[in-house]
PDB file of N, CA and C in Angstrom:
ATOM      1  N   UNK A   1      17.764   9.803   5.894  1.00  0.00           N
ATOM      2  CA  UNK A   1      16.544  10.584   5.831  1.00  0.00           C
ATOM      3  C   UNK A   1      15.400   9.706   5.324  1.00  0.00           C
ATOM      4  N   UNK A   2      14.235   9.777   5.911  1.00  0.00           N
ATOM      5  CA  UNK A   2      13.133   8.994   5.516  1.00  0.00           C
ATOM      6  C   UNK A   2      12.009   9.882   4.919  1.00  0.00           C
ATOM      7  N   UNK A   3      11.235   9.307   4.000  1.00  0.00           N
ATOM      8  CA  UNK A   3      10.055   9.953   3.428  1.00  0.00           C
ATOM      9  C   UNK A   3       8.862   9.075   3.743  1.00  0.00           C
ATOM     10  N   UNK A   4       7.717   9.685   3.953  1.00  0.00           N
ATOM     11  CA  UNK A   4       6.520   8.986   4.376  1.00  0.00           C
ATOM     12  C   UNK A   4       5.293   9.459   3.573  1.00  0.00           C
ATOM     13  N   UNK A   5       4.443   8.498   3.217  1.00  0.00           N
ATOM     14  CA  UNK A   5       3.167   8.873   2.530  1.00  0.00           C
ATOM     15  C   UNK A   5       2.107   8.024   3.168  1.00  0.00           C
ATOM     16  N   UNK A   6       0.978   8.672   3.507  1.00  0.00           N
ATOM     17  CA  UNK A   6      -0.201   8.020   4.021  1.00  0.00           C
ATOM     18  C   UNK A   6      -1.341   8.471   3.179  1.00  0.00           C
ATOM     19  N   UNK A   7      -1.946   7.520   2.441  1.00  0.00           N
ATOM     20  CA  UNK A   7      -2.937   7.866   1.447  1.00  0.00           C
ATOM     21  C   UNK A   7      -4.139   6.931   1.527  1.00  0.00           C
ATOM     22  N   UNK A   8      -5.320   7.470   1.514  1.00  0.00           N
ATOM     23  CA  UNK A   8      -6.522   6.621   1.381  1.00  0.00           C
ATOM     24  C   UNK A   8      -6.995   6.585   0.012  1.00  0.00           C
ATOM     25  N   UNK A   9      -7.164   5.373  -0.563  1.00  0.00           N
ATOM     26  CA  UNK A   9      -7.633   5.187  -1.927  1.00  0.00           C
ATOM     27  C   UNK A   9      -9.057   4.755  -1.853  1.00  0.00           C
ATOM     28  N   UNK A  10      -9.939   5.326  -2.678  1.00  0.00           N
ATOM     29  CA  UNK A  10     -11.371   5.065  -2.664  1.00  0.00           C
ATOM     30  C   UNK A  10     -11.881   4.641  -4.013  1.00  0.00           C
ATOM     31  N   UNK A  11     -13.160   4.255  -4.102  1.00  0.00           N
ATOM     32  CA  UNK A  11     -13.773   3.917  -5.315  1.00  0.00           C
ATOM     33  C   UNK A  11     -13.347   2.609  -5.911  1.00  0.00           C
ATOM     34  N   UNK A  12     -12.901   1.708  -5.037  1.00  0.00           N
ATOM     35  CA  UNK A  12     -12.385   0.426  -5.547  1.00  0.00           C
ATOM     36  C   UNK A  12     -13.521  -0.598  -5.574  1.00  0.00           C
ATOM     37  N   UNK A  13     -13.714  -1.174  -6.728  1.00  0.00           N
ATOM     38  CA  UNK A  13     -14.734  -2.243  -6.907  1.00  0.00           C
ATOM     39  C   UNK A  13     -14.023  -3.557  -7.324  1.00  0.00           C
ATOM     40  N   UNK A  14     -14.745  -4.603  -7.177  1.00  0.00           N
ATOM     41  CA  UNK A  14     -14.146  -5.939  -7.564  1.00  0.00           C
ATOM     42  C   UNK A  14     -13.677  -6.662  -6.352  1.00  0.00           C
ATOM     43  N   UNK A  15     -13.197  -7.886  -6.570  1.00  0.00           N
ATOM     44  CA  UNK A  15     -12.867  -8.802  -5.512  1.00  0.00           C
ATOM     45  C   UNK A  15     -11.518  -8.639  -4.886  1.00  0.00           C
ATOM     46  N   UNK A  16     -10.605  -7.813  -5.433  1.00  0.00           N
ATOM     47  CA  UNK A  16      -9.248  -7.775  -4.981  1.00  0.00           C
ATOM     48  C   UNK A  16      -9.094  -7.311  -3.525  1.00  0.00           C
ATOM     49  N   UNK A  17      -9.939  -6.406  -3.086  1.00  0.00           N
ATOM     50  CA  UNK A  17      -9.847  -5.905  -1.719  1.00  0.00           C
ATOM     51  C   UNK A  17     -10.081  -6.984  -0.640  1.00  0.00           C
ATOM     52  N   UNK A  18     -10.751  -8.114  -1.059  1.00  0.00           N
ATOM     53  CA  UNK A  18     -11.018  -9.186  -0.138  1.00  0.00           C
ATOM     54  C   UNK A  18     -10.045 -10.409  -0.329  1.00  0.00           C
ATOM     55  N   UNK A  19      -9.029 -10.227  -1.159  1.00  0.00           N
ATOM     56  CA  UNK A  19      -8.131 -11.268  -1.561  1.00  0.00           C
ATOM     57  C   UNK A  19      -6.769 -11.034  -0.841  1.00  0.00           C
ATOM     58  N   UNK A  20      -6.487 -11.775   0.230  1.00  0.00           N
ATOM     59  CA  UNK A  20      -5.226 -11.629   0.961  1.00  0.00           C
ATOM     60  C   UNK A  20      -4.047 -11.801   0.032  1.00  0.00           C
ATOM     61  N   UNK A  21      -4.012 -12.924  -0.707  1.00  0.00           N
ATOM     62  CA  UNK A  21      -2.859 -13.211  -1.588  1.00  0.00           C
ATOM     63  C   UNK A  21      -2.695 -12.131  -2.628  1.00  0.00           C
ATOM     64  N   UNK A  22      -3.813 -11.666  -3.162  1.00  0.00           N
ATOM     65  CA  UNK A  22      -3.727 -10.634  -4.235  1.00  0.00           C
ATOM     66  C   UNK A  22      -3.163  -9.342  -3.665  1.00  0.00           C
ATOM     67  N   UNK A  23      -3.622  -8.955  -2.453  1.00  0.00           N
ATOM     68  CA  UNK A  23      -3.105  -7.738  -1.830  1.00  0.00           C
ATOM     69  C   UNK A  23      -1.596  -7.871  -1.449  1.00  0.00           C
ATOM     70  N   UNK A  24      -1.235  -9.069  -1.013  1.00  0.00           N
ATOM     71  CA  UNK A  24       0.193  -9.303  -0.740  1.00  0.00           C
ATOM     72  C   UNK A  24       1.043  -9.152  -1.956  1.00  0.00           C
ATOM     73  N   UNK A  25       0.538  -9.712  -3.066  1.00  0.00           N
ATOM     74  CA  UNK A  25       1.279  -9.600  -4.380  1.00  0.00           C
ATOM     75  C   UNK A  25       1.331  -8.127  -4.765  1.00  0.00           C
ATOM     76  N   UNK A  26       0.305  -7.379  -4.475  1.00  0.00           N
ATOM     77  CA  UNK A  26       0.293  -5.928  -4.788  1.00  0.00           C
ATOM     78  C   UNK A  26       1.347  -5.203  -3.967  1.00  0.00           C
ATOM     79  N   UNK A  27       1.491  -5.534  -2.711  1.00  0.00           N
ATOM     80  CA  UNK A  27       2.552  -4.896  -1.882  1.00  0.00           C
ATOM     81  C   UNK A  27       3.915  -5.234  -2.397  1.00  0.00           C
ATOM     82  N   UNK A  28       4.096  -6.456  -2.877  1.00  0.00           N
ATOM     83  CA  UNK A  28       5.418  -6.912  -3.463  1.00  0.00           C
ATOM     84  C   UNK A  28       5.720  -6.071  -4.717  1.00  0.00           C
ATOM     85  N   UNK A  29       4.697  -5.903  -5.561  1.00  0.00           N
ATOM     86  CA  UNK A  29       4.853  -5.132  -6.767  1.00  0.00           C
ATOM     87  C   UNK A  29       5.220  -3.716  -6.508  1.00  0.00           C
ATOM     88  N   UNK A  30       4.518  -3.106  -5.499  1.00  0.00           N
ATOM     89  CA  UNK A  30       4.842  -1.697  -5.148  1.00  0.00           C
ATOM     90  C   UNK A  30       6.227  -1.601  -4.569  1.00  0.00           C
ATOM     91  N   UNK A  31       6.687  -2.577  -3.776  1.00  0.00           N
ATOM     92  CA  UNK A  31       8.015  -2.560  -3.230  1.00  0.00           C
ATOM     93  C   UNK A  31       9.041  -2.611  -4.361  1.00  0.00           C
ATOM     94  N   UNK A  32       8.761  -3.508  -5.356  1.00  0.00           N
ATOM     95  CA  UNK A  32       9.679  -3.594  -6.516  1.00  0.00           C
ATOM     96  C   UNK A  32       9.780  -2.266  -7.291  1.00  0.00           C
ATOM     97  N   UNK A  33       8.692  -1.545  -7.390  1.00  0.00           N
ATOM     98  CA  UNK A  33       8.644  -0.319  -8.102  1.00  0.00           C
ATOM     99  C   UNK A  33       9.478   0.806  -7.453  1.00  0.00           C
ATOM    100  N   UNK A  34       9.708   0.660  -6.191  1.00  0.00           N
ATOM    101  CA  UNK A  34      10.526   1.684  -5.463  1.00  0.00           C
ATOM    102  C   UNK A  34      11.864   1.128  -4.972  1.00  0.00           C
ATOM    103  N   UNK A  35      12.162  -0.094  -5.383  1.00  0.00           N
ATOM    104  CA  UNK A  35      13.467  -0.661  -4.993  1.00  0.00           C
ATOM    105  C   UNK A  35      13.580  -1.034  -3.522  1.00  0.00           C
ATOM    106  N   UNK A  36      12.462  -1.328  -2.897  1.00  0.00           N
ATOM    107  CA  UNK A  36      12.501  -1.723  -1.488  1.00  0.00           C
ATOM    108  C   UNK A  36      12.769  -3.217  -1.400  1.00  0.00           C
ATOM    109  N   UNK A  37      13.882  -3.580  -0.800  1.00  0.00           N
ATOM    110  CA  UNK A  37      14.204  -4.988  -0.628  1.00  0.00           C
ATOM    111  C   UNK A  37      13.505  -5.542   0.643  1.00  0.00           C
ATOM    112  N   UNK A  38      12.611  -6.451   0.387  1.00  0.00           N
ATOM    113  CA  UNK A  38      11.818  -6.973   1.514  1.00  0.00           C
ATOM    114  C   UNK A  38      12.668  -7.964   2.385  1.00  0.00           C
ATOM    115  N   UNK A  39      12.335  -7.943   3.651  1.00  0.00           N
ATOM    116  CA  UNK A  39      13.011  -8.903   4.588  1.00  0.00           C
ATOM    117  C   UNK A  39      12.419 -10.313   4.482  1.00  0.00           C
ATOM    118  N   UNK A  40      11.289 -10.408   3.881  1.00  0.00           N
ATOM    119  CA  UNK A  40      10.585 -11.676   3.750  1.00  0.00           C
ATOM    120  C   UNK A  40       9.241 -11.440   3.090  1.00  0.00           C
ATOM    121  N   UNK A  41       8.404 -12.445   3.011  1.00  0.00           N
ATOM    122  CA  UNK A  41       7.066 -12.228   2.420  1.00  0.00           C
ATOM    123  C   UNK A  41       6.184 -11.343   3.310  1.00  0.00           C
ATOM    124  N   UNK A  42       5.201 -10.742   2.687  1.00  0.00           N
ATOM    125  CA  UNK A  42       4.327  -9.867   3.471  1.00  0.00           C
ATOM    126  C   UNK A  42       3.554 -10.647   4.504  1.00  0.00           C
ATOM    127  N   UNK A  43       3.245 -10.024   5.660  1.00  0.00           N
ATOM    128  CA  UNK A  43       2.390 -10.592   6.660  1.00  0.00           C
ATOM    129  C   UNK A  43       0.965 -10.211   6.329  1.00  0.00           C
ATOM    130  N   UNK A  44       0.082 -11.092   6.361  1.00  0.00           N
ATOM    131  CA  UNK A  44      -1.325 -10.828   6.087  1.00  0.00           C
ATOM    132  C   UNK A  44      -2.180 -11.264   7.235  1.00  0.00           C
ATOM    133  N   UNK A  45      -3.238 -10.457   7.576  1.00  0.00           N
ATOM    134  CA  UNK A  45      -4.198 -10.768   8.600  1.00  0.00           C
ATOM    135  C   UNK A  45      -5.544 -10.294   8.178  1.00  0.00           C
ATOM    136  N   UNK A  46      -6.509 -11.198   8.208  1.00  0.00           N
ATOM    137  CA  UNK A  46      -7.911 -10.840   7.917  1.00  0.00           C
ATOM    138  C   UNK A  46      -8.661 -10.738   9.231  1.00  0.00           C
ATOM    139  N   UNK A  47      -9.518  -9.706   9.297  1.00  0.00           N
ATOM    140  CA  UNK A  47     -10.313  -9.468  10.518  1.00  0.00           C
ATOM    141  C   UNK A  47     -11.766  -9.140  10.145  1.00  0.00           C
ATOM    142  N   UNK A  48     -12.559  -8.817  11.080  1.00  0.00           N
ATOM    143  CA  UNK A  48     -13.984  -8.583  10.805  1.00  0.00           C
ATOM    144  C   UNK A  48     -14.247  -7.360   9.928  1.00  0.00           C
ATOM    145  N   UNK A  49     -13.326  -6.398   9.922  1.00  0.00           N
ATOM    146  CA  UNK A  49     -13.516  -5.191   9.106  1.00  0.00           C
ATOM    147  C   UNK A  49     -12.714  -5.133   7.854  1.00  0.00           C
ATOM    148  N   UNK A  50     -11.806  -6.135   7.680  1.00  0.00           N
ATOM    149  CA  UNK A  50     -11.008  -6.063   6.466  1.00  0.00           C
ATOM    150  C   UNK A  50      -9.719  -6.831   6.581  1.00  0.00           C
ATOM    151  N   UNK A  51      -8.745  -6.458   5.794  1.00  0.00           N
ATOM    152  CA  UNK A  51      -7.504  -7.148   5.644  1.00  0.00           C
ATOM    153  C   UNK A  51      -6.300  -6.171   5.895  1.00  0.00           C
ATOM    154  N   UNK A  52      -5.289  -6.612   6.621  1.00  0.00           N
ATOM    155  CA  UNK A  52      -4.108  -5.802   6.802  1.00  0.00           C
ATOM    156  C   UNK A  52      -2.936  -6.600   6.162  1.00  0.00           C
ATOM    157  N   UNK A  53      -2.091  -5.883   5.446  1.00  0.00           N
ATOM    158  CA  UNK A  53      -0.940  -6.437   4.795  1.00  0.00           C
ATOM    159  C   UNK A  53       0.242  -5.594   5.246  1.00  0.00           C
ATOM    160  N   UNK A  54       1.343  -6.245   5.674  1.00  0.00           N
ATOM    161  CA  UNK A  54       2.547  -5.531   6.036  1.00  0.00           C
ATOM    162  C   UNK A  54       3.806  -6.116   5.388  1.00  0.00           C
ATOM    163  N   UNK A  55       4.538  -5.259   4.724  1.00  0.00           N
ATOM    164  CA  UNK A  55       5.765  -5.681   4.077  1.00  0.00           C
ATOM    165  C   UNK A  55       6.921  -4.813   4.644  1.00  0.00           C
ATOM    166  N   UNK A  56       7.831  -5.459   5.362  1.00  0.00           N
ATOM    167  CA  UNK A  56       8.940  -4.740   5.941  1.00  0.00           C
ATOM    168  C   UNK A  56      10.175  -4.950   5.037  1.00  0.00           C
ATOM    169  N   UNK A  57      10.922  -3.853   4.926  1.00  0.00           N
ATOM    170  CA  UNK A  57      12.129  -3.989   4.041  1.00  0.00           C
ATOM    171  C   UNK A  57      13.297  -3.130   4.625  1.00  0.00           C
ATOM    172  N   UNK A  58      14.355  -3.264   3.961  1.00  0.00           N
ATOM    173  CA  UNK A  58      15.554  -2.523   4.320  1.00  0.00           C
ATOM    174  C   UNK A  58      15.336  -1.015   3.961  1.00  0.00           C
ATOM    175  N   UNK A  59      15.160  -0.235   4.962  1.00  0.00           N
ATOM    176  CA  UNK A  59      14.944   1.183   4.747  1.00  0.00           C
ATOM    177  C   UNK A  59      13.521   1.636   4.548  1.00  0.00           C
ATOM    178  N   UNK A  60      12.551   0.805   4.889  1.00  0.00           N
ATOM    179  CA  UNK A  60      11.171   1.214   4.755  1.00  0.00           C
ATOM    180  C   UNK A  60      10.144   0.109   4.911  1.00  0.00           C
ATOM    181  N   UNK A  61       8.901   0.475   4.606  1.00  0.00           N
ATOM    182  CA  UNK A  61       7.825  -0.496   4.694  1.00  0.00           C
ATOM    183  C   UNK A  61       6.630  -0.108   3.784  1.00  0.00           C
ATOM    184  N   UNK A  62       5.756  -1.047   3.514  1.00  0.00           N
ATOM    185  CA  UNK A  62       4.514  -0.837   2.868  1.00  0.00           C
ATOM    186  C   UNK A  62       3.447  -1.535   3.672  1.00  0.00           C
ATOM    187  N   UNK A  63       2.439  -0.791   4.084  1.00  0.00           N
ATOM    188  CA  UNK A  63       1.352  -1.365   4.844  1.00  0.00           C
ATOM    189  C   UNK A  63       0.028  -1.003   4.186  1.00  0.00           C
ATOM    190  N   UNK A  64      -0.844  -2.009   4.018  1.00  0.00           N
ATOM    191  CA  UNK A  64      -2.189  -1.781   3.413  1.00  0.00           C
ATOM    192  C   UNK A  64      -3.234  -2.178   4.413  1.00  0.00           C
ATOM    193  N   UNK A  65      -4.288  -1.359   4.550  1.00  0.00           N
ATOM    194  CA  UNK A  65      -5.424  -1.684   5.371  1.00  0.00           C
ATOM    195  C   UNK A  65      -6.624  -1.569   4.462  1.00  0.00           C
ATOM    196  N   UNK A  66      -7.127  -2.761   4.027  1.00  0.00           N
ATOM    197  CA  UNK A  66      -8.234  -2.815   3.059  1.00  0.00           C
ATOM    198  C   UNK A  66      -9.516  -3.052   3.799  1.00  0.00           C
ATOM    199  N   UNK A  67     -10.567  -2.291   3.335  1.00  0.00           N
ATOM    200  CA  UNK A  67     -11.936  -2.432   3.879  1.00  0.00           C
ATOM    201  C   UNK A  67     -12.828  -2.692   2.629  1.00  0.00           C
ATOM    202  N   UNK A  68     -13.002  -3.971   2.293  1.00  0.00           N
ATOM    203  CA  UNK A  68     -13.722  -4.284   1.076  1.00  0.00           C
ATOM    204  C   UNK A  68     -15.143  -3.704   1.083  1.00  0.00           C
ATOM    205  N   UNK A  69     -15.848  -3.742   2.181  1.00  0.00           N
ATOM    206  CA  UNK A  69     -17.202  -3.252   2.238  1.00  0.00           C
ATOM    207  C   UNK A  69     -17.351  -1.827   1.953  1.00  0.00           C
ATOM    208  N   UNK A  70     -16.276  -1.070   2.095  1.00  0.00           N
ATOM    209  CA  UNK A  70     -16.305   0.392   1.795  1.00  0.00           C
ATOM    210  C   UNK A  70     -15.588   0.733   0.508  1.00  0.00           C
ATOM    211  N   UNK A  71     -14.950  -0.264  -0.107  1.00  0.00           N
ATOM    212  CA  UNK A  71     -14.246  -0.019  -1.397  1.00  0.00           C
ATOM    213  C   UNK A  71     -13.060   0.929  -1.159  1.00  0.00           C
ATOM    214  N   UNK A  72     -12.329   0.799   0.003  1.00  0.00           N
ATOM    215  CA  UNK A  72     -11.224   1.687   0.282  1.00  0.00           C
ATOM    216  C   UNK A  72     -10.051   0.907   0.878  1.00  0.00           C
ATOM    217  N   UNK A  73      -8.880   1.535   0.696  1.00  0.00           N
ATOM    218  CA  UNK A  73      -7.666   0.948   1.299  1.00  0.00           C
ATOM    219  C   UNK A  73      -6.785   2.109   1.766  1.00  0.00           C
ATOM    220  N   UNK A  74      -6.261   2.015   2.941  1.00  0.00           N
ATOM    221  CA  UNK A  74      -5.327   2.961   3.450  1.00  0.00           C
ATOM    222  C   UNK A  74      -3.922   2.472   3.154  1.00  0.00           C
ATOM    223  N   UNK A  75      -3.061   3.316   2.479  1.00  0.00           N
ATOM    224  CA  UNK A  75      -1.776   2.860   2.055  1.00  0.00           C
ATOM    225  C   UNK A  75      -0.698   3.699   2.836  1.00  0.00           C
ATOM    226  N   UNK A  76       0.136   3.031   3.575  1.00  0.00           N
ATOM    227  CA  UNK A  76       1.191   3.633   4.338  1.00  0.00           C
ATOM    228  C   UNK A  76       2.533   3.192   3.763  1.00  0.00           C
ATOM    229  N   UNK A  77       3.343   4.171   3.290  1.00  0.00           N
ATOM    230  CA  UNK A  77       4.646   3.803   2.702  1.00  0.00           C
ATOM    231  C   UNK A  77       5.728   4.675   3.305  1.00  0.00           C
ATOM    232  N   UNK A  78       6.855   4.068   3.762  1.00  0.00           N
ATOM    233  CA  UNK A  78       7.960   4.733   4.221  1.00  0.00           C
ATOM    234  C   UNK A  78       9.180   4.310   3.408  1.00  0.00           C
ATOM    235  N   UNK A  79       9.976   5.273   2.970  1.00  0.00           N
ATOM    236  CA  UNK A  79      11.202   4.954   2.183  1.00  0.00           C
ATOM    237  C   UNK A  79      12.356   5.716   2.745  1.00  0.00           C
ATOM    238  N   UNK A  80      13.515   5.352   2.357  1.00  0.00           N
ATOM    239  CA  UNK A  80      14.771   6.037   2.794  1.00  0.00           C
ATOM    240  C   UNK A  80      15.517   6.528   1.559  1.00  0.00           C
ATOM    241  N   UNK A  81      16.374   7.479   1.862  1.00  0.00           N
ATOM    242  CA  UNK A  81      17.196   8.035   0.766  1.00  0.00           C
ATOM    243  C   UNK A  81      16.342   8.906  -0.137  1.00  0.00           C
ATOM    244  N   UNK A  82      16.652   8.778  -1.443  1.00  0.00           N
ATOM    245  CA  UNK A  82      15.966   9.688  -2.414  1.00  0.00           C
ATOM    246  C   UNK A  82      14.717   9.036  -3.006  1.00  0.00           C
ATOM    247  N   UNK A  83      14.430   7.828  -2.589  1.00  0.00           N
ATOM    248  CA  UNK A  83      13.242   7.116  -3.147  1.00  0.00           C
ATOM    249  C   UNK A  83      11.994   7.734  -2.606  1.00  0.00           C
ATOM    250  N   UNK A  84      11.052   8.052  -3.525  1.00  0.00           N
ATOM    251  CA  UNK A  84       9.823   8.720  -3.194  1.00  0.00           C
ATOM    252  C   UNK A  84       8.707   7.699  -3.001  1.00  0.00           C
ATOM    253  N   UNK A  85       8.004   7.696  -1.861  1.00  0.00           N
ATOM    254  CA  UNK A  85       6.945   6.762  -1.635  1.00  0.00           C
ATOM    255  C   UNK A  85       5.759   6.883  -2.540  1.00  0.00           C
ATOM    256  N   UNK A  86       5.599   8.055  -3.158  1.00  0.00           N
ATOM    257  CA  UNK A  86       4.408   8.288  -4.056  1.00  0.00           C
ATOM    258  C   UNK A  86       4.394   7.301  -5.178  1.00  0.00           C
ATOM    259  N   UNK A  87       5.563   6.833  -5.649  1.00  0.00           N
ATOM    260  CA  UNK A  87       5.615   5.879  -6.748  1.00  0.00           C
ATOM    261  C   UNK A  87       4.905   4.568  -6.358  1.00  0.00           C
ATOM    262  N   UNK A  88       5.117   4.098  -5.124  1.00  0.00           N
ATOM    263  CA  UNK A  88       4.466   2.833  -4.672  1.00  0.00           C
ATOM    264  C   UNK A  88       2.981   3.065  -4.592  1.00  0.00           C
ATOM    265  N   UNK A  89       2.538   4.236  -4.134  1.00  0.00           N
ATOM    266  CA  UNK A  89       1.115   4.571  -4.048  1.00  0.00           C
ATOM    267  C   UNK A  89       0.484   4.561  -5.455  1.00  0.00           C
ATOM    268  N   UNK A  90       1.236   5.116  -6.472  1.00  0.00           N
ATOM    269  CA  UNK A  90       0.673   5.103  -7.822  1.00  0.00           C
ATOM    270  C   UNK A  90       0.494   3.693  -8.303  1.00  0.00           C
ATOM    271  N   UNK A  91       1.461   2.815  -8.115  1.00  0.00           N
ATOM    272  CA  UNK A  91       1.323   1.435  -8.539  1.00  0.00           C
ATOM    273  C   UNK A  91       0.106   0.756  -7.949  1.00  0.00           C
ATOM    274  N   UNK A  92      -0.059   0.901  -6.669  1.00  0.00           N
ATOM    275  CA  UNK A  92      -1.188   0.331  -5.934  1.00  0.00           C
ATOM    276  C   UNK A  92      -2.512   0.880  -6.507  1.00  0.00           C
ATOM    277  N   UNK A  93      -2.614   2.220  -6.601  1.00  0.00           N
ATOM    278  CA  UNK A  93      -3.794   2.823  -7.116  1.00  0.00           C
ATOM    279  C   UNK A  93      -4.149   2.379  -8.496  1.00  0.00           C
ATOM    280  N   UNK A  94      -3.203   2.333  -9.370  1.00  0.00           N
ATOM    281  CA  UNK A  94      -3.437   1.876 -10.748  1.00  0.00           C
ATOM    282  C   UNK A  94      -3.950   0.457 -10.801  1.00  0.00           C
ATOM    283  N   UNK A  95      -3.353  -0.396 -10.061  1.00  0.00           N
ATOM    284  CA  UNK A  95      -3.730  -1.840 -10.102  1.00  0.00           C
ATOM    285  C   UNK A  95      -5.099  -2.075  -9.475  1.00  0.00           C
ATOM    286  N   UNK A  96      -5.464  -1.220  -8.541  1.00  0.00           N
ATOM    287  CA  UNK A  96      -6.799  -1.395  -7.923  1.00  0.00           C
ATOM    288  C   UNK A  96      -7.882  -0.592  -8.665  1.00  0.00           C
ATOM    289  N   UNK A  97      -7.466   0.223  -9.592  1.00  0.00           N
ATOM    290  CA  UNK A  97      -8.448   1.095 -10.296  1.00  0.00           C
ATOM    291  C   UNK A  97      -9.024   2.109  -9.350  1.00  0.00           C
ATOM    292  N   UNK A  98      -8.194   2.614  -8.480  1.00  0.00           N
ATOM    293  CA  UNK A  98      -8.694   3.569  -7.461  1.00  0.00           C
ATOM    294  C   UNK A  98      -8.400   4.992  -7.849  1.00  0.00           C
ATOM    295  N   UNK A  99      -9.052   5.898  -7.232  1.00  0.00           N
ATOM    296  CA  UNK A  99      -8.761   7.338  -7.363  1.00  0.00           C
ATOM    297  C   UNK A  99      -8.025   7.817  -6.145  1.00  0.00           C
ATOM    298  N   UNK A 100      -7.071   8.705  -6.366  1.00  0.00           N
ATOM    299  CA  UNK A 100      -6.352   9.277  -5.281  1.00  0.00           C
ATOM    300  C   UNK A 100      -6.823  10.737  -5.121  1.00  0.00           C
ATOM    301  N   UNK A 101      -7.419  11.052  -4.054  1.00  0.00           N
ATOM    302  CA  UNK A 101      -7.869  12.408  -3.784  1.00  0.00           C
ATOM    303  C   UNK A 101      -6.626  13.204  -3.223  1.00  0.00           C
ATOM    304  N   UNK A 102      -6.308  14.356  -3.801  1.00  0.00           N
ATOM    305  CA  UNK A 102      -5.231  15.132  -3.251  1.00  0.00           C
ATOM    306  C   UNK A 102      -5.340  15.419  -1.804  1.00  0.00           C
ATOM    307  N   UNK A 103      -6.566  15.542  -1.333  1.00  0.00           N
ATOM    308  CA  UNK A 103      -6.772  15.830   0.116  1.00  0.00           C
ATOM    309  C   UNK A 103      -6.490  14.593   0.982  1.00  0.00           C
ATOM    310  N   UNK A 104      -6.525  13.390   0.404  1.00  0.00           N
ATOM    311  CA  UNK A 104      -6.305  12.212   1.205  1.00  0.00           C
ATOM    312  C   UNK A 104      -4.834  11.829   1.284  1.00  0.00           C
ATOM    313  N   UNK A 105      -4.020  12.371   0.429  1.00  0.00           N
ATOM    314  CA  UNK A 105      -2.632  12.031   0.366  1.00  0.00           C
ATOM    315  C   UNK A 105      -1.817  12.970   1.318  1.00  0.00           C
ATOM    316  N   UNK A 106      -1.064  12.375   2.222  1.00  0.00           N
ATOM    317  CA  UNK A 106      -0.261  13.163   3.109  1.00  0.00           C
ATOM    318  C   UNK A 106       1.152  12.595   2.995  1.00  0.00           C
ATOM    319  N   UNK A 107       2.104  13.494   2.713  1.00  0.00           N
ATOM    320  CA  UNK A 107       3.484  13.099   2.610  1.00  0.00           C
ATOM    321  C   UNK A 107       4.358  13.950   3.529  1.00  0.00           C
ATOM    322  N   UNK A 108       5.354  13.326   4.072  1.00  0.00           N
ATOM    323  CA  UNK A 108       6.285  14.044   4.900  1.00  0.00           C
ATOM    324  C   UNK A 108       7.681  13.682   4.456  1.00  0.00           C
ATOM    325  N   UNK A 109       8.513  14.720   4.263  1.00  0.00           N
ATOM    326  CA  UNK A 109       9.927  14.435   3.824  1.00  0.00           C
ATOM    327  C   UNK A 109      10.746  13.865   4.974  1.00  0.00           C
TER     328      UNK A 109
END
């Protein structure tokens, strides 16, 4: 059984949203918080509107879509078993100093 969370975090200031290595490290930290064993290092891609980070693991994934100019990041987390993806979102939000709007968080069991 899989669980899924798709959350937009807003109100993020500072340089981290434009830092590929910093966002990759953040994905690794969030994976560690939920016990997601990564298949390898995160894949990072910068484009004209922002940065995408993808971390694939055994039983799930963490994907970040950061838009520095808007101070926002879309966080997509999938987990398996009893692990709740909300914990990974909490780690990411706390480290970015972001606010999580209840209306922006969508979870599916």
